[in-house]
PDB file of N, CA and C in Angstrom:
ATOM      1  N   MET A   1       0.634  -1.110  -0.334  1.00  0.00           N
ATOM      2  CA  MET A   1       0.419   0.116   0.020  1.00  0.00           C
ATOM      3  C   MET A   1       0.967   1.611  -0.032  1.00  0.00           C
ATOM      4  N   ASP A   2       1.604   0.818   1.165  1.00  0.00           N
ATOM      5  CA  ASP A   2       2.874   2.543   0.857  1.00  0.00           C
ATOM      6  C   ASP A   2       3.374   2.396  -0.312  1.00  0.00           C
ATOM      7  N   TYR A   3       3.671   1.536  -0.992  1.00  0.00           N
ATOM      8  CA  TYR A   3       4.464   1.694  -2.512  1.00  0.00           C
ATOM      9  C   TYR A   3       3.524   2.338  -3.732  1.00  0.00           C
ATOM     10  N   LYS A   4       1.875   2.622  -3.340  1.00  0.00           N
ATOM     11  CA  LYS A   4       1.097   2.808  -4.457  1.00  0.00           C
ATOM     12  C   LYS A   4       1.298   4.023  -3.956  1.00  0.00           C
ATOM     13  N   LYS A   5       0.914   4.568  -2.934  1.00  0.00           N
ATOM     14  CA  LYS A   5       1.131   6.056  -1.974  1.00  0.00           C
ATOM     15  C   LYS A   5       2.108   6.562  -2.634  1.00  0.00           C
ATOM     16  N   LEU A   6       3.425   6.373  -2.784  1.00  0.00           N
ATOM     17  CA  LEU A   6       4.661   6.531  -3.588  1.00  0.00           C
ATOM     18  C   LEU A   6       4.468   6.579  -4.119  1.00  0.00           C
ATOM     19  N   GLN A   7       3.884   5.408  -5.462  1.00  0.00           N
ATOM     20  CA  GLN A   7       3.664   5.992  -6.963  1.00  0.00           C
ATOM     21  C   GLN A   7       2.759   7.422  -6.765  1.00  0.00           C
ATOM     22  N   LEU A   8       1.774   7.575  -6.626  1.00  0.00           N
ATOM     23  CA  LEU A   8       0.782   8.657  -6.237  1.00  0.00           C
ATOM     24  C   LEU A   8       1.336   9.896  -6.086  1.00  0.00           C
ATOM     25  N   SER A   9       2.348   9.738  -5.386  1.00  0.00           N
ATOM     26  CA  SER A   9       2.379  11.075  -4.296  1.00  0.00           C
ATOM     27  C   SER A   9       4.007  11.946  -5.742  1.00  0.00           C
ATOM     28  N   ILE A  10       4.671  10.794  -6.691  1.00  0.00           N
ATOM     29  CA  ILE A  10       5.692  10.655  -7.136  1.00  0.00           C
ATOM     30  C   ILE A  10       4.499  11.839  -8.739  1.00  0.00           C
ATOM     31  N   ARG A  11       3.352  10.754  -8.857  1.00  0.00           N
ATOM     32  CA  ARG A  11       2.775  11.307 -10.258  1.00  0.00           C
ATOM     33  C   ARG A  11       2.582  12.648  -9.813  1.00  0.00           C
ATOM     34  N   THR A  12       1.285  13.329  -8.573  1.00  0.00           N
ATOM     35  CA  THR A  12       1.120  14.813  -8.473  1.00  0.00           C
ATOM     36  C   THR A  12       2.060  15.624  -7.664  1.00  0.00           C
ATOM     37  N   THR A  13       3.528  15.268  -7.657  1.00  0.00           N
ATOM     38  CA  THR A  13       4.640  16.329  -7.263  1.00  0.00           C
ATOM     39  C   THR A  13       3.956  17.186  -8.982  1.00  0.00           C
ATOM     40  N   GLY A  14       4.810  18.300  -8.602  1.00  0.00           N
ATOM     41  CA  GLY A  14       5.022  19.574  -9.281  1.00  0.00           C
ATOM     42  C   GLY A  14       4.057  19.675 -10.226  1.00  0.00           C
ATOM     43  N   LEU A  15       2.625  19.468 -10.122  1.00  0.00           N
ATOM     44  CA  LEU A  15       1.208  19.434 -10.861  1.00  0.00           C
ATOM     45  C   LEU A  15       0.826  20.244 -10.210  1.00  0.00           C
ATOM     46  N   GLY A  16       1.315  21.738  -9.537  1.00  0.00           N
ATOM     47  CA  GLY A  16       0.278  22.425  -8.665  1.00  0.00           C
ATOM     48  C   GLY A  16      -1.233  21.968  -7.933  1.00  0.00           C
ATOM     49  N   LYS A  17      -1.032  20.917  -7.409  1.00  0.00           N
ATOM     50  CA  LYS A  17      -2.841  20.295  -6.731  1.00  0.00           C
ATOM     51  C   LYS A  17      -2.727  21.081  -5.134  1.00  0.00           C
ATOM     52  N   THR A  18      -4.127  22.416  -5.171  1.00  0.00           N
ATOM     53  CA  THR A  18      -4.190  21.790  -3.441  1.00  0.00           C
ATOM     54  C   THR A  18      -4.073  20.787  -2.876  1.00  0.00           C
ATOM     55  N   SER A  19      -3.999  20.648  -1.757  1.00  0.00           N
ATOM     56  CA  SER A  19      -3.960  20.076  -0.316  1.00  0.00           C
ATOM     57  C   SER A  19      -5.456  19.071  -0.259  1.00  0.00           C
ATOM     58  N   GLU A  20      -6.148  19.756  -0.866  1.00  0.00           N
ATOM     59  CA  GLU A  20      -7.076  19.027  -1.005  1.00  0.00           C
ATOM     60  C   GLU A  20      -7.581  18.008  -2.264  1.00  0.00           C
ATOM     61  N   GLN A  21      -7.423  18.673  -3.568  1.00  0.00           N
ATOM     62  CA  GLN A  21      -7.511  17.887  -4.596  1.00  0.00           C
ATOM     63  C   GLN A  21      -6.055  16.499  -4.521  1.00  0.00           C
ATOM     64  N   TRP A  22      -5.064  17.083  -3.598  1.00  0.00           N
ATOM     65  CA  TRP A  22      -4.013  15.741  -3.215  1.00  0.00           C
ATOM     66  C   TRP A  22      -4.432  14.477  -3.123  1.00  0.00           C
ATOM     67  N   ARG A  23      -5.852  14.767  -1.545  1.00  0.00           N
ATOM     68  CA  ARG A  23      -6.216  14.520  -0.849  1.00  0.00           C
ATOM     69  C   ARG A  23      -7.270  13.290  -1.230  1.00  0.00           C
ATOM     70  N   GLN A  24      -8.066  14.502  -1.979  1.00  0.00           N
ATOM     71  CA  GLN A  24      -9.330  13.185  -3.030  1.00  0.00           C
ATOM     72  C   GLN A  24      -8.514  12.031  -4.101  1.00  0.00           C
ATOM     73  N   GLU A  25      -7.558  12.818  -4.436  1.00  0.00           N
ATOM     74  CA  GLU A  25      -6.543  12.125  -5.763  1.00  0.00           C
ATOM     75  C   GLU A  25      -6.021  10.706  -4.796  1.00  0.00           C
ATOM     76  N   ILE A  26      -5.387  10.815  -3.548  1.00  0.00           N
ATOM     77  CA  ILE A  26      -5.227   9.727  -2.669  1.00  0.00           C
ATOM     78  C   ILE A  26      -6.807   8.669  -2.109  1.00  0.00           C
ATOM     79  N   LYS A  27      -7.848   9.395  -1.966  1.00  0.00           N
ATOM     80  CA  LYS A  27      -8.426   8.046  -2.057  1.00  0.00           C
ATOM     81  C   LYS A  27      -9.187   7.513  -2.918  1.00  0.00           C
ATOM     82  N   GLU A  28      -9.259   8.384  -4.225  1.00  0.00           N
ATOM     83  CA  GLU A  28      -9.921   7.573  -5.203  1.00  0.00           C
ATOM     84  C   GLU A  28      -8.789   6.352  -5.914  1.00  0.00           C
ATOM     85  N   GLU A  29      -7.507   7.038  -5.474  1.00  0.00           N
ATOM     86  CA  GLU A  29      -6.329   5.442  -5.729  1.00  0.00           C
ATOM     87  C   GLU A  29      -6.877   4.195  -4.789  1.00  0.00           C
ATOM     88  N   MET A  30      -6.540   4.771  -3.417  1.00  0.00           N
ATOM     89  CA  MET A  30      -6.973   3.774  -2.414  1.00  0.00           C
ATOM     90  C   MET A  30      -7.868   3.117  -2.932  1.00  0.00           C
ATOM     91  N   SER A  31      -9.296   3.791  -3.533  1.00  0.00           N
ATOM     92  CA  SER A  31     -10.549   2.540  -3.221  1.00  0.00           C
ATOM     93  C   SER A  31     -10.046   1.738  -4.844  1.00  0.00           C
ATOM     94  N   ARG A  32      -9.253   2.379  -6.004  1.00  0.00           N
ATOM     95  CA  ARG A  32      -9.197   1.802  -6.889  1.00  0.00           C
ATOM     96  C   ARG A  32      -8.209   0.302  -6.701  1.00  0.00           C
ATOM     97  N   ALA A  33      -6.964   0.745  -5.739  1.00  0.00           N
ATOM     98  CA  ALA A  33      -5.980  -0.598  -5.575  1.00  0.00           C
ATOM     99  C   ALA A  33      -7.243  -1.888  -4.584  1.00  0.00           C
ATOM    100  N   SER A  34      -7.693  -0.885  -3.549  1.00  0.00           N
ATOM    101  CA  SER A  34      -8.915  -2.220  -3.132  1.00  0.00           C
ATOM    102  C   SER A  34      -9.392  -3.174  -3.108  1.00  0.00           C
ATOM    103  N   GLN A  35      -9.617  -2.937  -4.961  1.00  0.00           N
ATOM    104  CA  GLN A  35     -10.868  -3.365  -5.214  1.00  0.00           C
ATOM    105  C   GLN A  35     -10.184  -4.093  -5.957  1.00  0.00           C
ATOM    106  N   TRP A  36      -8.529  -3.840  -7.083  1.00  0.00           N
ATOM    107  CA  TRP A  36      -8.237  -5.039  -7.427  1.00  0.00           C
ATOM    108  C   TRP A  36      -7.902  -5.748  -6.244  1.00  0.00           C
ATOM    109  N   GLU A  37      -7.126  -5.427  -5.093  1.00  0.00           N
ATOM    110  CA  GLU A  37      -7.294  -6.467  -4.306  1.00  0.00           C
ATOM    111  C   GLU A  37      -7.965  -7.427  -3.873  1.00  0.00           C
ATOM    112  N   ARG A  38      -9.415  -6.653  -3.849  1.00  0.00           N
ATOM    113  CA  ARG A  38     -10.576  -7.815  -3.981  1.00  0.00           C
ATOM    114  C   ARG A  38     -10.387  -9.137  -4.850  1.00  0.00           C
ATOM    115  N   LYS A  39     -10.385  -8.473  -6.245  1.00  0.00           N
ATOM    116  CA  LYS A  39     -10.446  -9.291  -7.051  1.00  0.00           C
ATOM    117  C   LYS A  39      -9.330 -10.218  -7.463  1.00  0.00           C
ATOM    118  N   PHE A  40      -8.419  -9.906  -6.569  1.00  0.00           N
ATOM    119  CA  PHE A  40      -7.410 -10.830  -6.640  1.00  0.00           C
ATOM    120  C   PHE A  40      -6.929 -11.700  -5.170  1.00  0.00           C
TER     121      PHE A  40
END
C-alpha cells in the first residue's frame, strides 16, 4: 500500500494541486487499489 502511495505522490508532485485535490486523488487511488486486491 505504501508503494502505491509513493507512486501517487510522485505522479502528483509538481502539478500544482491543492492539498484538498491531493487528498481526494489519494482516496480514489486507494479505493481502486482495494478493489483490485478484492478481485485477486
